[in-house]
Amino acid sequence: MAAINLRKRLENGKLLCAMGVYNALTAKLAEETGAECLYMTGYGVSACNHAYPDIGLVTMTEMVEVAKRVTDRVSIPLIADADTGYGNSINIIRTVKEYERAGVQAIQIEDQIWPKRCGHMAGKAVIPADEMRAKIHAAVDARQSEDTLIIARTDLLALEGFDAAVEMGNRFAEWGADIVFVEAPVDADQVKKIPGRVNAKTLINIAPKTPNFSADEIEEMGYSVAIYPGVTLIATYVACVEALQQFKKTGRQENLSYWAENFDAMNDLLGLSKFRELEAKYKG
């Protein structure tokens, strides 16, 4: 269980930066290096746990299982991608309850059709506004704790433009969303305008189509939350490709020294000493 209440934390007005993770190890690493909050990325879970693209091939139960593994091993809050809620409004009810039981403090749903695709891919389509209104209402009604936050994301910008997306974001807030997420603004002007145009707490996703601003700049713009879904994902991808290509070229694991140098530190991160204590306690 996270030691920090996310809803109360957001009341102080300071930007919350959520580091993207896709399994328990990346979550532990993020916590160890000082992250205040985590974001379980659907793209990352799909890519790293299944080797699938983010096009709606991962199920709700698979996402919940990852969330459980993360919250079991960290003590900082988890925001979790729940895609479209995995169906209609009735499915949303179960999704919210399952995510809450997994220890998720903020649940993100979006207005894409199912199967969805990554918000920074081409070819997206959205459901009718009335259908999304019903989903948000269902999500709000389904949560067991008033502290659970509902994040509503619109992908309308890529289809109908910036003004339409902002208008939809304001409708999401009217329908009960705690945080509004206008996905994939494509230039600095759009990024800067969103917090002033949306009458709710806003979230920005630092991902391929969106300009890369510093946390200080994002806070100054007025955003409440910034998510970094690719921060561990792309680091893993690039490092693995480089190491494997180097081995193919030389026939030698060039980074073996990293393994030796970091072996004890990694075991400490994984909690080996605590398990050793338990072994001694229950020995015989």
Protein backbone atom coordinates (compact mmCIF):
# COMPACT_ATOMS: atom_id res chain seq x y z
CA MET A 1 0.00 0.00 0.00
CA ALA A 2 1.36 3.39 -1.01
CA ALA A 3 2.31 5.68 1.87
CA ILE A 4 1.16 8.79 -0.02
CA ASN A 5 -2.46 9.67 -0.82
CA LEU A 6 -2.41 10.88 -4.40
CA ARG A 7 -5.57 13.00 -4.20
CA LYS A 8 -4.23 14.89 -1.18
CA ARG A 9 -0.80 15.22 -2.78
CA LEU A 10 -2.30 16.96 -5.83
CA GLU A 11 -3.95 19.56 -3.61
CA ASN A 12 -0.60 21.27 -2.97
CA GLY A 13 -0.48 22.57 -6.54
CA LYS A 14 2.98 21.23 -7.33
CA LEU A 15 3.56 19.17 -10.46
CA LEU A 16 3.46 15.41 -9.93
CA CYS A 17 5.93 13.54 -12.17
CA ALA A 18 5.03 9.88 -12.72
CA MET A 19 7.79 7.65 -14.05
CA GLY A 20 6.71 5.09 -16.64
CA VAL A 21 7.13 1.46 -15.55
CA TYR A 22 6.01 -1.84 -17.00
CA ASN A 23 6.90 -4.41 -14.34
CA ALA A 24 7.91 -4.70 -10.69
CA LEU A 25 11.64 -4.31 -11.37
CA THR A 26 11.33 -1.02 -13.24
CA ALA A 27 8.99 0.14 -10.47
CA LYS A 28 11.57 -0.70 -7.80
CA LEU A 29 14.30 1.06 -9.77
CA ALA A 30 12.17 4.18 -10.14
CA GLU A 31 11.37 4.22 -6.43
CA GLU A 32 15.01 3.64 -5.50
CA THR A 33 16.13 6.60 -7.61
CA GLY A 34 13.67 8.97 -5.94
CA ALA A 35 10.50 8.87 -8.04
CA GLU A 36 7.48 10.30 -6.25
CA CYS A 37 4.92 8.42 -8.33
CA LEU A 38 4.70 5.68 -10.98
CA TYR A 39 2.75 5.36 -14.22
CA MET A 40 1.99 1.86 -15.48
CA THR A 41 2.18 2.26 -19.24
CA GLY A 42 -0.04 0.16 -21.48
CA TYR A 43 2.48 0.46 -24.28
CA GLY A 44 5.23 -0.77 -21.97
CA VAL A 45 3.23 -3.71 -20.61
CA SER A 46 2.24 -4.73 -24.14
CA ALA A 47 5.76 -4.38 -25.55
CA CYS A 48 7.89 -5.70 -22.71
CA ASN A 49 5.68 -8.40 -21.23
CA HIS A 50 4.13 -9.70 -24.44
CA ALA A 51 6.21 -8.33 -27.35
CA TYR A 52 3.02 -6.90 -28.87
CA PRO A 53 2.45 -3.42 -30.28
CA ASP A 54 0.05 -1.20 -28.35
CA ILE A 55 -3.03 -1.94 -30.46
CA GLY A 56 -5.42 -3.46 -27.94
CA LEU A 57 -3.96 -6.96 -27.66
CA VAL A 58 -3.50 -6.92 -23.87
CA THR A 59 -6.46 -7.67 -21.62
CA MET A 60 -7.70 -6.06 -18.43
CA THR A 61 -6.72 -9.06 -16.32
CA GLU A 62 -3.16 -8.97 -17.68
CA MET A 63 -2.87 -5.27 -16.87
CA VAL A 64 -4.26 -5.80 -13.36
CA GLU A 65 -1.74 -8.58 -12.72
CA VAL A 66 1.13 -6.23 -13.52
CA ALA A 67 -0.39 -3.53 -11.30
CA LYS A 68 -0.62 -6.00 -8.40
CA ARG A 69 3.03 -6.98 -8.83
CA VAL A 70 4.06 -3.32 -8.82
CA THR A 71 2.05 -2.20 -5.80
CA ASP A 72 3.21 -5.25 -3.85
CA ARG A 73 6.84 -4.16 -4.18
CA VAL A 74 6.77 -0.36 -3.88
CA SER A 75 5.43 2.18 -1.40
CA ILE A 76 4.80 5.10 -3.79
CA PRO A 77 1.51 5.74 -5.63
CA LEU A 78 0.66 4.08 -8.93
CA ILE A 79 -1.27 5.68 -11.78
CA ALA A 80 -2.36 3.00 -14.26
CA ASP A 81 -3.38 3.03 -17.89
CA ALA A 82 -6.72 1.24 -18.31
CA ASP A 83 -7.04 1.89 -22.06
CA THR A 84 -10.75 2.19 -22.95
CA GLY A 85 -11.87 0.30 -19.86
CA TYR A 86 -11.92 -2.88 -21.97
CA GLY A 87 -15.49 -2.63 -23.19
CA ASN A 88 -18.62 -0.64 -22.47
CA SER A 89 -19.78 1.09 -19.30
CA ILE A 90 -20.51 -2.22 -17.58
CA ASN A 91 -16.95 -3.37 -18.30
CA ILE A 92 -15.68 -0.06 -16.90
CA ILE A 93 -17.33 -0.87 -13.56
CA ARG A 94 -15.39 -4.11 -13.25
CA THR A 95 -12.18 -2.52 -14.50
CA VAL A 96 -12.28 0.23 -11.86
CA LYS A 97 -12.99 -2.26 -9.07
CA GLU A 98 -10.18 -4.60 -10.19
CA TYR A 99 -7.68 -1.74 -10.51
CA GLU A 100 -8.61 -0.45 -7.06
CA ARG A 101 -8.18 -3.90 -5.55
CA ALA A 102 -4.73 -4.00 -7.15
CA GLY A 103 -3.77 -0.85 -5.24
CA VAL A 104 -4.00 1.66 -8.11
CA GLN A 105 -4.75 5.21 -6.95
CA ALA A 106 -5.48 6.82 -10.33
CA ILE A 107 -7.14 5.04 -13.26
CA GLN A 108 -6.84 6.38 -16.78
CA ILE A 109 -9.52 5.69 -19.38
CA GLU A 110 -9.72 7.05 -22.92
CA ASP A 111 -12.32 7.75 -25.62
CA GLN A 112 -10.87 5.59 -28.38
CA ILE A 113 -12.81 2.77 -29.99
CA TRP A 114 -11.75 -0.79 -29.11
CA PRO A 115 -9.34 -2.16 -30.13
CA LYS A 116 -7.46 1.05 -29.42
CA ARG A 117 -3.93 2.00 -30.36
CA CYS A 118 -1.13 4.02 -28.84
CA GLY A 119 -2.08 7.68 -28.67
CA HIS A 120 0.99 8.61 -30.71
CA MET A 121 0.18 6.24 -33.57
CA ALA A 122 -1.77 7.15 -36.69
CA GLY A 123 -5.21 5.78 -37.52
CA LYS A 124 -7.03 6.45 -34.24
CA ALA A 125 -10.82 6.70 -33.91
CA VAL A 126 -13.00 7.76 -30.99
CA ILE A 127 -16.38 6.72 -29.62
CA PRO A 128 -19.38 9.11 -29.54
CA ALA A 129 -19.34 11.67 -26.74
CA ASP A 130 -22.48 10.22 -25.12
CA GLU A 131 -20.79 6.85 -24.84
CA MET A 132 -17.75 8.39 -23.16
CA ARG A 133 -20.03 10.32 -20.80
CA ALA A 134 -21.60 7.04 -19.71
CA LYS A 135 -18.16 5.50 -19.20
CA ILE A 136 -16.97 8.36 -17.00
CA HIS A 137 -20.17 8.25 -14.95
CA ALA A 138 -19.76 4.49 -14.54
CA ALA A 139 -16.13 4.87 -13.50
CA VAL A 140 -16.97 7.52 -10.90
CA ASP A 141 -19.86 5.46 -9.52
CA ALA A 142 -17.82 2.24 -9.43
CA ARG A 143 -14.91 3.43 -7.33
CA GLN A 144 -14.98 2.12 -3.79
CA SER A 145 -12.84 4.94 -2.39
CA GLU A 146 -13.38 8.64 -2.93
CA ASP A 147 -9.61 8.97 -2.98
CA THR A 148 -9.38 7.00 -6.24
CA LEU A 149 -8.83 9.42 -9.11
CA ILE A 150 -10.41 9.02 -12.54
CA ILE A 151 -8.27 10.35 -15.39
CA ALA A 152 -10.16 10.83 -18.67
CA ARG A 153 -8.15 11.05 -21.87
CA THR A 154 -9.34 12.30 -25.24
CA ASP A 155 -7.66 11.40 -28.52
CA LEU A 156 -9.81 13.83 -30.46
CA LEU A 157 -6.96 16.26 -31.22
CA ALA A 158 -5.56 14.02 -33.97
CA LEU A 159 -9.02 13.73 -35.57
CA GLU A 160 -10.78 17.08 -35.19
CA GLY A 161 -8.09 19.46 -34.00
CA PHE A 162 -7.02 21.29 -30.86
CA ASP A 163 -10.19 23.27 -30.11
CA ALA A 164 -12.42 20.20 -30.38
CA ALA A 165 -10.10 18.27 -28.05
CA VAL A 166 -10.10 21.05 -25.45
CA GLU A 167 -13.89 21.30 -25.61
CA MET A 168 -14.14 17.53 -25.08
CA GLY A 169 -11.74 17.76 -22.15
CA ASN A 170 -14.00 20.30 -20.49
CA ARG A 171 -16.97 18.00 -21.01
CA PHE A 172 -15.01 15.20 -19.34
CA ALA A 173 -14.51 17.44 -16.31
CA GLU A 174 -18.23 18.29 -16.21
CA TRP A 175 -19.03 14.56 -16.29
CA GLY A 176 -16.92 13.89 -13.21
CA ALA A 177 -13.33 13.21 -14.31
CA ASP A 178 -10.80 14.32 -11.70
CA ILE A 179 -8.00 14.89 -14.21
CA VAL A 180 -8.24 15.63 -17.93
CA PHE A 181 -5.67 14.32 -20.40
CA VAL A 182 -5.62 15.83 -23.91
CA GLU A 183 -3.45 13.34 -25.77
CA ALA A 184 -0.65 14.16 -28.23
CA PRO A 185 -0.43 17.96 -28.57
CA VAL A 186 2.01 18.41 -31.44
CA ASP A 187 3.66 21.76 -30.77
CA ALA A 188 4.74 24.01 -27.92
CA ASP A 189 1.82 26.40 -28.39
CA GLN A 190 -0.74 23.63 -27.93
CA VAL A 191 1.06 22.26 -24.87
CA LYS A 192 1.13 25.67 -23.22
CA LYS A 193 -2.54 26.44 -23.89
CA ILE A 194 -4.14 23.26 -22.50
CA PRO A 195 -4.01 24.05 -18.73
CA GLY A 196 -5.55 27.48 -19.29
CA ARG A 197 -8.29 26.17 -21.58
CA VAL A 198 -9.36 23.11 -19.57
CA ASN A 199 -11.33 23.71 -16.38
CA ALA A 200 -9.82 20.85 -14.41
CA LYS A 201 -6.50 19.45 -13.32
CA THR A 202 -4.58 18.51 -16.45
CA LEU A 203 -2.07 15.83 -17.38
CA ILE A 204 0.63 15.91 -20.03
CA ASN A 205 2.18 12.85 -21.64
CA ILE A 206 5.84 13.27 -22.62
CA ALA A 207 5.93 10.95 -25.63
CA PRO A 208 7.11 11.01 -29.29
CA LYS A 209 4.70 13.54 -30.85
CA THR A 210 4.77 15.98 -27.94
CA PRO A 211 7.58 18.52 -27.38
CA ASN A 212 9.92 17.70 -24.50
CA PHE A 213 9.73 20.27 -21.71
CA SER A 214 11.45 20.21 -18.33
CA ALA A 215 9.41 19.52 -15.20
CA ASP A 216 9.86 23.14 -14.09
CA GLU A 217 8.50 24.39 -17.43
CA ILE A 218 5.53 22.02 -17.26
CA GLU A 219 4.70 23.13 -13.72
CA GLU A 220 4.89 26.78 -14.74
CA MET A 221 2.37 26.10 -17.53
CA GLY A 222 -0.11 24.90 -14.91
CA TYR A 223 -0.22 21.13 -15.37
CA SER A 224 -0.93 18.96 -12.33
CA VAL A 225 0.56 15.70 -13.61
CA ALA A 226 3.28 14.76 -16.11
CA ILE A 227 3.71 11.14 -17.15
CA TYR A 228 6.85 9.72 -18.73
CA PRO A 229 5.74 6.32 -20.11
CA GLY A 230 8.90 5.72 -22.12
CA VAL A 231 11.55 6.64 -19.57
CA THR A 232 12.43 3.04 -18.61
CA LEU A 233 11.01 1.42 -21.76
CA ILE A 234 13.25 3.12 -24.31
CA ALA A 235 16.28 2.84 -22.01
CA THR A 236 15.73 -0.91 -21.84
CA TYR A 237 15.21 -1.23 -25.59
CA VAL A 238 18.30 0.76 -26.56
CA ALA A 239 20.57 -0.90 -23.98
CA CYS A 240 19.47 -4.41 -25.00
CA VAL A 241 19.94 -3.75 -28.71
CA GLU A 242 23.42 -2.33 -28.14
CA ALA A 243 24.52 -5.19 -25.87
CA LEU A 244 23.21 -7.92 -28.18
CA GLN A 245 24.70 -6.32 -31.28
CA GLN A 246 28.04 -5.97 -29.51
CA PHE A 247 28.02 -9.66 -28.57
CA LYS A 248 27.20 -10.66 -32.15
CA LYS A 249 30.11 -8.55 -33.34
CA THR A 250 32.75 -9.66 -30.81
CA GLY A 251 31.51 -12.98 -29.37
CA ARG A 252 32.06 -11.55 -25.89
CA GLN A 253 29.74 -10.04 -23.30
CA GLU A 254 31.43 -6.67 -23.11
CA ASN A 255 29.30 -5.39 -20.23
CA LEU A 256 29.97 -8.34 -17.90
CA SER A 257 31.83 -5.95 -15.61
CA TYR A 258 28.52 -4.10 -15.06
CA TRP A 259 27.03 -7.33 -13.78
CA ALA A 260 29.88 -7.90 -11.33
CA GLU A 261 29.94 -4.27 -10.19
CA ASN A 262 26.19 -4.08 -9.64
CA PHE A 263 25.41 -7.60 -8.45
CA ASP A 264 25.26 -6.72 -4.75
CA ALA A 265 23.36 -3.49 -5.39
CA MET A 266 20.76 -5.31 -7.46
CA ASN A 267 20.31 -7.95 -4.77
CA ASP A 268 19.84 -5.17 -2.23
CA LEU A 269 17.19 -3.59 -4.46
CA LEU A 270 15.37 -6.92 -4.69
CA GLY A 271 15.35 -7.27 -0.91
CA LEU A 272 17.69 -10.24 -0.59
CA SER A 273 18.79 -9.30 2.94
CA LYS A 274 15.19 -9.35 4.19
CA PHE A 275 14.65 -12.81 2.70
CA ARG A 276 17.89 -13.98 4.31
CA GLU A 277 16.54 -12.77 7.66
CA LEU A 278 13.34 -14.72 7.10
CA GLU A 279 15.32 -17.82 6.17
CA ALA A 280 17.27 -17.55 9.42
CA LYS A 281 14.11 -16.91 11.44
CA TYR A 282 12.29 -19.95 10.13
CA LYS A 283 15.25 -22.28 9.66
CA GLY A 284 14.64 -25.84 10.87
